[in-house]
Every structure is written in structure tokens, then in C-alpha cells.
Amino acid sequence: MKSEKEKMITGEQYNPNDNELQKDRRRARFLARSFNIICESDEEIRMSLLKELLGSTGESVHVESTFHCDYGYNIHVGENFYASFDCTILDGGRVTIGTNCIMSSGVHIYTNTQSLKVEERIMGIEYTKPVTIGNNVWIGGRAVINPGVTIGDNVVVATGAVVVKDVPDNVMVGGNPAQVIKLIK
């Protein structure tokens, strides 16, 4: 029988109030809070906390405070990753971010979602859909990436965009819901 954590990670319906998941969220919040209050000049300590929090990172990773996440261990970022102030990643499901990616201030990435059935929402049942972001992607401030979205390589997501469906390579998207604005050569 699968644990609630295993169900969460594989996208099956799960109970987020499970004791193991509550413990994991407390751990992530402790590490994120510790990271957020450490002075930026203490780069070694900040990087150590970030590497303990996240599932995997490249060598060159820079995240500004404040940063928030649910679990941390489901977030995997590539080389040369930068996240500006006030970014949030709800990572019940896997979040994979490629190399040379920039997240501007206030970007939110969500993998967690609820059922359309009211009875299941009342019971607190959730499920997750992974988010994948390709290489060389720039996500503008206050953009929102929704559960299950894949963003291709060399993409620009405009400020304030709400991305609800997959984005192909080499385009700029914007709006709510986000749509292709132009091709990038």
C-alpha cells in the first residue's frame, strides 16, 4: 500500500494532513525561514540551507529572500538559476527547472490542486501535477505557473501572466490566460 507521500509525488489523490507530510512541511518551513533570515553576505550558509531544502541544484544558484515552498525536496533547479524576491513554489508534485532560468519577483509555481468534486474538497483531498520549465527561460514578475504546465526552452513569460497550458519553445507568452504574443528567433 502506498504512503500518502508516495501518492502525492505520483499525482494520485492524497491526504495532505498525513503525519509524515505535516512533518515534511514543518521541515521545509524551518529551512526556508532560516534561509530567509540569514544575511545575504553569509553566502555559504545560505547556499548550504538551500541545498538542504531543495531536491537538487546546479552549482550556480541564487535565490533572494523571501522564498517559500511546501516541501522543497520536489524542486530541482539547473545550473545558473536565479529567483528574485518573494517567489513561492508549492511543490507537492515535482518541479523541474532547466539551466539558465530567471524567475522575477513574486513568481508563483503551483503543482497542488483540488478535485472539482465538492465532497472531495470538503474532505481535504488533493492531488498534484508536475511542472516542467525548460532551459533559458525568463519568467516575469508576479507570473503564475499552474499545475501540470510544461514550458519549453528559450521562453519569456510576461509579467503578470497566468500560464494554464503548455508553452512551446521559442515564444513569448502573456495575459490571463497566457497566450503566445510572439515568436522569438
C-alpha atoms as a PDB file:
ATOM      1  CA  MET A   1       0.000   0.000   0.000  1.00  0.00           C
ATOM      2  CA  LYS A   2       1.348   3.433  -0.943  1.00  0.00           C
ATOM      3  CA  SER A   3       2.005   6.099   1.654  1.00  0.00           C
ATOM      4  CA  GLU A   4       0.291   9.481   1.331  1.00  0.00           C
ATOM      5  CA  LYS A   5       3.697  10.932   0.374  1.00  0.00           C
ATOM      6  CA  GLU A   6       4.106   8.387  -2.443  1.00  0.00           C
ATOM      7  CA  LYS A   7       0.588   9.167  -3.683  1.00  0.00           C
ATOM      8  CA  MET A   8       1.304  12.903  -3.587  1.00  0.00           C
ATOM      9  CA  ILE A   9       4.514  12.601  -5.573  1.00  0.00           C
ATOM     10  CA  THR A  10       2.914  10.340  -8.220  1.00  0.00           C
ATOM     11  CA  GLY A  11      -0.117  12.606  -8.689  1.00  0.00           C
ATOM     12  CA  GLU A  12      -2.714  10.385  -7.054  1.00  0.00           C
ATOM     13  CA  GLN A  13      -5.312  11.679  -4.625  1.00  0.00           C
ATOM     14  CA  TYR A  14      -3.755  12.020  -1.179  1.00  0.00           C
ATOM     15  CA  ASN A  15      -4.454  13.401   2.265  1.00  0.00           C
ATOM     16  CA  PRO A  16      -2.195  16.419   2.983  1.00  0.00           C
ATOM     17  CA  ASN A  17      -2.970  16.099   6.703  1.00  0.00           C
ATOM     18  CA  ASP A  18      -0.955  12.883   6.878  1.00  0.00           C
ATOM     19  CA  ASN A  19       1.566  12.990   9.757  1.00  0.00           C
ATOM     20  CA  GLU A  20       4.603  12.375   7.514  1.00  0.00           C
ATOM     21  CA  LEU A  21       3.582  15.177   5.138  1.00  0.00           C
ATOM     22  CA  GLN A  22       2.945  17.579   8.019  1.00  0.00           C
ATOM     23  CA  LYS A  23       6.423  16.785   9.360  1.00  0.00           C
ATOM     24  CA  ASP A  24       7.942  17.345   5.898  1.00  0.00           C
ATOM     25  CA  ARG A  25       6.194  20.725   5.553  1.00  0.00           C
ATOM     26  CA  ARG A  26       7.421  21.802   9.010  1.00  0.00           C
ATOM     27  CA  ARG A  27      10.977  20.864   7.987  1.00  0.00           C
ATOM     28  CA  ALA A  28      10.668  22.869   4.744  1.00  0.00           C
ATOM     29  CA  ARG A  29       9.269  25.893   6.551  1.00  0.00           C
ATOM     30  CA  PHE A  30      12.056  25.756   9.137  1.00  0.00           C
ATOM     31  CA  LEU A  31      14.742  25.589   6.427  1.00  0.00           C
ATOM     32  CA  ALA A  32      13.082  28.304   4.308  1.00  0.00           C
ATOM     33  CA  ARG A  33      12.646  30.581   7.329  1.00  0.00           C
ATOM     34  CA  SER A  34      16.282  30.010   8.312  1.00  0.00           C
ATOM     35  CA  PHE A  35      17.379  30.764   4.740  1.00  0.00           C
ATOM     36  CA  ASN A  36      15.246  33.912   4.597  1.00  0.00           C
ATOM     37  CA  ILE A  37      16.659  35.449   7.792  1.00  0.00           C
ATOM     38  CA  ILE A  38      20.343  34.767   7.080  1.00  0.00           C
ATOM     39  CA  CYS A  39      22.182  37.868   5.870  1.00  0.00           C
ATOM     40  CA  GLU A  40      22.994  37.870   2.156  1.00  0.00           C
ATOM     41  CA  SER A  41      26.686  38.294   2.981  1.00  0.00           C
ATOM     42  CA  ASP A  42      26.635  34.803   4.562  1.00  0.00           C
ATOM     43  CA  GLU A  43      26.517  33.173   1.125  1.00  0.00           C
ATOM     44  CA  GLU A  44      27.984  29.853   2.270  1.00  0.00           C
ATOM     45  CA  ILE A  45      25.338  29.319   4.952  1.00  0.00           C
ATOM     46  CA  ARG A  46      22.514  30.394   2.616  1.00  0.00           C
ATOM     47  CA  MET A  47      23.709  28.016  -0.108  1.00  0.00           C
ATOM     48  CA  SER A  48      24.018  25.179   2.401  1.00  0.00           C
ATOM     49  CA  LEU A  49      20.433  25.718   3.583  1.00  0.00           C
ATOM     50  CA  LEU A  50      19.167  25.948   0.006  1.00  0.00           C
ATOM     51  CA  LYS A  51      20.908  22.714  -0.976  1.00  0.00           C
ATOM     52  CA  GLU A  52      19.444  21.006   2.107  1.00  0.00           C
ATOM     53  CA  LEU A  53      15.965  22.301   1.266  1.00  0.00           C
ATOM     54  CA  LEU A  54      15.795  21.621  -2.471  1.00  0.00           C
ATOM     55  CA  GLY A  55      15.813  18.224  -4.156  1.00  0.00           C
ATOM     56  CA  SER A  56      18.732  19.118  -6.435  1.00  0.00           C
ATOM     57  CA  THR A  57      20.525  22.216  -7.725  1.00  0.00           C
ATOM     58  CA  GLY A  58      23.264  23.231 -10.076  1.00  0.00           C
ATOM     59  CA  GLU A  59      26.424  24.785  -8.632  1.00  0.00           C
ATOM     60  CA  SER A  60      25.498  28.360  -9.583  1.00  0.00           C
ATOM     61  CA  VAL A  61      22.149  29.055  -7.900  1.00  0.00           C
ATOM     62  CA  HIS A  62      20.981  32.331  -6.392  1.00  0.00           C
ATOM     63  CA  VAL A  63      17.678  32.797  -4.569  1.00  0.00           C
ATOM     64  CA  GLU A  64      16.667  36.068  -2.926  1.00  0.00           C
ATOM     65  CA  SER A  65      14.693  36.221   0.296  1.00  0.00           C
ATOM     66  CA  THR A  66      11.907  35.655   0.839  1.00  0.00           C
ATOM     67  CA  PHE A  67      11.448  32.211  -0.688  1.00  0.00           C
ATOM     68  CA  HIS A  68       8.646  29.810   0.243  1.00  0.00           C
ATOM     69  CA  CYS A  69       7.814  26.225  -0.643  1.00  0.00           C
ATOM     70  CA  ASP A  70       5.758  23.310   0.671  1.00  0.00           C
ATOM     71  CA  TYR A  71       8.338  20.519   0.781  1.00  0.00           C
ATOM     72  CA  GLY A  72      11.461  21.612  -1.106  1.00  0.00           C
ATOM     73  CA  TYR A  73      12.563  18.083  -1.958  1.00  0.00           C
ATOM     74  CA  ASN A  74      10.385  18.056  -5.094  1.00  0.00           C
ATOM     75  CA  ILE A  75      12.127  21.139  -6.543  1.00  0.00           C
ATOM     76  CA  HIS A  76      15.003  20.511  -8.968  1.00  0.00           C
ATOM     77  CA  VAL A  77      16.811  23.505 -10.499  1.00  0.00           C
ATOM     78  CA  GLY A  78      19.580  23.517 -13.070  1.00  0.00           C
ATOM     79  CA  GLU A  79      22.789  25.464 -13.398  1.00  0.00           C
ATOM     80  CA  ASN A  80      22.709  29.262 -13.392  1.00  0.00           C
ATOM     81  CA  PHE A  81      19.280  29.579 -11.732  1.00  0.00           C
ATOM     82  CA  TYR A  82      18.107  32.883 -10.265  1.00  0.00           C
ATOM     83  CA  ALA A  83      14.916  33.586  -8.283  1.00  0.00           C
ATOM     84  CA  SER A  84      14.213  37.152  -7.218  1.00  0.00           C
ATOM     85  CA  PHE A  85      12.329  38.326  -4.127  1.00  0.00           C
ATOM     86  CA  ASP A  86       9.109  36.729  -2.843  1.00  0.00           C
ATOM     87  CA  CYS A  87       8.951  33.611  -5.010  1.00  0.00           C
ATOM     88  CA  THR A  88       6.717  30.715  -3.940  1.00  0.00           C
ATOM     89  CA  ILE A  89       6.777  27.144  -5.222  1.00  0.00           C
ATOM     90  CA  LEU A  90       4.076  24.756  -3.989  1.00  0.00           C
ATOM     91  CA  ASP A  91       5.866  21.505  -4.680  1.00  0.00           C
ATOM     92  CA  GLY A  92       3.669  18.617  -3.664  1.00  0.00           C
ATOM     93  CA  GLY A  93       4.483  17.391  -7.166  1.00  0.00           C
ATOM     94  CA  ARG A  94       7.801  17.571  -8.959  1.00  0.00           C
ATOM     95  CA  VAL A  95       9.027  20.956 -10.222  1.00  0.00           C
ATOM     96  CA  THR A  96      11.890  20.738 -12.716  1.00  0.00           C
ATOM     97  CA  ILE A  97      13.576  23.953 -13.842  1.00  0.00           C
ATOM     98  CA  GLY A  98      16.299  23.849 -16.511  1.00  0.00           C
ATOM     99  CA  THR A  99      19.571  25.728 -16.869  1.00  0.00           C
ATOM    100  CA  ASN A 100      19.935  29.499 -17.274  1.00  0.00           C
ATOM    101  CA  CYS A 101      16.487  30.288 -15.852  1.00  0.00           C
ATOM    102  CA  ILE A 102      15.379  33.521 -14.227  1.00  0.00           C
ATOM    103  CA  MET A 103      12.301  33.995 -12.046  1.00  0.00           C
ATOM    104  CA  SER A 104      11.491  37.655 -11.380  1.00  0.00           C
ATOM    105  CA  SER A 105       9.940  38.912  -8.147  1.00  0.00           C
ATOM    106  CA  GLY A 106       6.757  37.326  -6.901  1.00  0.00           C
ATOM    107  CA  VAL A 107       6.626  34.364  -9.281  1.00  0.00           C
ATOM    108  CA  HIS A 108       4.399  31.549  -8.064  1.00  0.00           C
ATOM    109  CA  ILE A 109       4.557  27.945  -9.276  1.00  0.00           C
ATOM    110  CA  TYR A 110       1.830  25.530  -8.207  1.00  0.00           C
ATOM    111  CA  THR A 111       1.714  21.741  -8.524  1.00  0.00           C
ATOM    112  CA  ASN A 112      -1.001  21.177  -5.911  1.00  0.00           C
ATOM    113  CA  THR A 113      -4.644  21.182  -6.923  1.00  0.00           C
ATOM    114  CA  GLN A 114      -8.027  20.053  -5.630  1.00  0.00           C
ATOM    115  CA  SER A 115     -10.843  17.992  -7.059  1.00  0.00           C
ATOM    116  CA  LEU A 116     -13.730  19.564  -8.929  1.00  0.00           C
ATOM    117  CA  LYS A 117     -15.994  17.424  -6.734  1.00  0.00           C
ATOM    118  CA  VAL A 118     -17.112  19.473  -3.759  1.00  0.00           C
ATOM    119  CA  GLU A 119     -17.320  16.423  -1.478  1.00  0.00           C
ATOM    120  CA  GLU A 120     -13.633  15.641  -2.038  1.00  0.00           C
ATOM    121  CA  ARG A 121     -12.600  19.258  -1.448  1.00  0.00           C
ATOM    122  CA  ILE A 122     -14.517  19.288   1.833  1.00  0.00           C
ATOM    123  CA  MET A 123     -12.675  16.094   2.860  1.00  0.00           C
ATOM    124  CA  GLY A 124      -9.378  17.886   2.150  1.00  0.00           C
ATOM    125  CA  ILE A 125      -8.235  15.509  -0.588  1.00  0.00           C
ATOM    126  CA  GLU A 126      -5.654  16.946  -3.007  1.00  0.00           C
ATOM    127  CA  TYR A 127      -3.565  15.777  -5.928  1.00  0.00           C
ATOM    128  CA  THR A 128      -0.588  17.136  -7.813  1.00  0.00           C
ATOM    129  CA  LYS A 129       0.511  17.670 -11.395  1.00  0.00           C
ATOM    130  CA  PRO A 130       4.210  18.235 -12.164  1.00  0.00           C
ATOM    131  CA  VAL A 131       5.565  21.483 -13.616  1.00  0.00           C
ATOM    132  CA  THR A 132       8.492  21.440 -16.029  1.00  0.00           C
ATOM    133  CA  ILE A 133      10.344  24.557 -17.156  1.00  0.00           C
ATOM    134  CA  GLY A 134      12.915  24.246 -19.946  1.00  0.00           C
ATOM    135  CA  ASN A 135      16.289  25.910 -20.428  1.00  0.00           C
ATOM    136  CA  ASN A 136      16.905  29.634 -20.938  1.00  0.00           C
ATOM    137  CA  VAL A 137      13.503  30.695 -19.590  1.00  0.00           C
ATOM    138  CA  TRP A 138      12.708  34.094 -18.100  1.00  0.00           C
ATOM    139  CA  ILE A 139       9.519  34.332 -16.025  1.00  0.00           C
ATOM    140  CA  GLY A 140       8.391  37.901 -15.377  1.00  0.00           C
ATOM    141  CA  GLY A 141       7.275  39.290 -12.041  1.00  0.00           C
ATOM    142  CA  ARG A 142       4.018  38.120 -10.479  1.00  0.00           C
ATOM    143  CA  ALA A 143       3.543  35.443 -13.147  1.00  0.00           C
ATOM    144  CA  VAL A 144       1.728  32.274 -12.063  1.00  0.00           C
ATOM    145  CA  ILE A 145       2.541  28.817 -13.433  1.00  0.00           C
ATOM    146  CA  ASN A 146      -0.344  26.399 -12.827  1.00  0.00           C
ATOM    147  CA  PRO A 147      -0.289  22.643 -12.108  1.00  0.00           C
ATOM    148  CA  GLY A 148       0.662  20.341 -14.973  1.00  0.00           C
ATOM    149  CA  VAL A 149       2.231  23.008 -17.194  1.00  0.00           C
ATOM    150  CA  THR A 150       5.344  22.391 -19.291  1.00  0.00           C
ATOM    151  CA  ILE A 151       7.218  25.460 -20.533  1.00  0.00           C
ATOM    152  CA  GLY A 152       9.611  24.897 -23.427  1.00  0.00           C
ATOM    153  CA  ASP A 153      13.135  26.197 -23.990  1.00  0.00           C
ATOM    154  CA  ASN A 154      14.014  29.846 -24.708  1.00  0.00           C
ATOM    155  CA  VAL A 155      10.639  31.152 -23.476  1.00  0.00           C
ATOM    156  CA  VAL A 156       9.758  34.527 -21.986  1.00  0.00           C
ATOM    157  CA  VAL A 157       6.705  34.639 -19.716  1.00  0.00           C
ATOM    158  CA  ALA A 158       5.486  38.240 -19.444  1.00  0.00           C
ATOM    159  CA  THR A 159       4.923  39.980 -16.147  1.00  0.00           C
ATOM    160  CA  GLY A 160       1.603  39.028 -14.574  1.00  0.00           C
ATOM    161  CA  ALA A 161       0.913  36.146 -16.955  1.00  0.00           C
ATOM    162  CA  VAL A 162      -1.184  33.226 -15.745  1.00  0.00           C
ATOM    163  CA  VAL A 163       0.070  30.118 -17.520  1.00  0.00           C
ATOM    164  CA  VAL A 164      -2.611  27.404 -17.606  1.00  0.00           C
ATOM    165  CA  LYS A 165      -1.432  25.288 -20.556  1.00  0.00           C
ATOM    166  CA  ASP A 166       1.826  24.099 -22.080  1.00  0.00           C
ATOM    167  CA  VAL A 167       4.081  26.649 -23.799  1.00  0.00           C
ATOM    168  CA  PRO A 168       6.156  25.664 -26.869  1.00  0.00           C
ATOM    169  CA  ASP A 169       9.829  26.544 -27.383  1.00  0.00           C
ATOM    170  CA  ASN A 170      10.977  29.985 -28.549  1.00  0.00           C
ATOM    171  CA  VAL A 171       7.931  32.121 -27.760  1.00  0.00           C
ATOM    172  CA  MET A 172       6.841  34.961 -25.512  1.00  0.00           C
ATOM    173  CA  VAL A 173       3.549  34.428 -23.674  1.00  0.00           C
ATOM    174  CA  GLY A 174       1.471  36.856 -21.663  1.00  0.00           C
ATOM    175  CA  GLY A 175      -2.010  37.620 -20.362  1.00  0.00           C
ATOM    176  CA  ASN A 176      -4.621  35.752 -18.361  1.00  0.00           C
ATOM    177  CA  PRO A 177      -4.821  33.057 -19.506  1.00  0.00           C
ATOM    178  CA  ALA A 178      -1.387  33.309 -21.092  1.00  0.00           C
ATOM    179  CA  GLN A 179      -1.260  33.169 -24.874  1.00  0.00           C
ATOM    180  CA  VAL A 180       1.573  33.350 -27.382  1.00  0.00           C
ATOM    181  CA  ILE A 181       2.383  37.008 -28.028  1.00  0.00           C
ATOM    182  CA  LYS A 182       5.255  36.486 -30.428  1.00  0.00           C
ATOM    183  CA  LEU A 183       7.876  34.074 -31.685  1.00  0.00           C
ATOM    184  CA  ILE A 184      11.446  34.504 -30.504  1.00  0.00           C
ATOM    185  CA  LYS A 185      14.185  33.855 -33.035  1.00  0.00           C
END
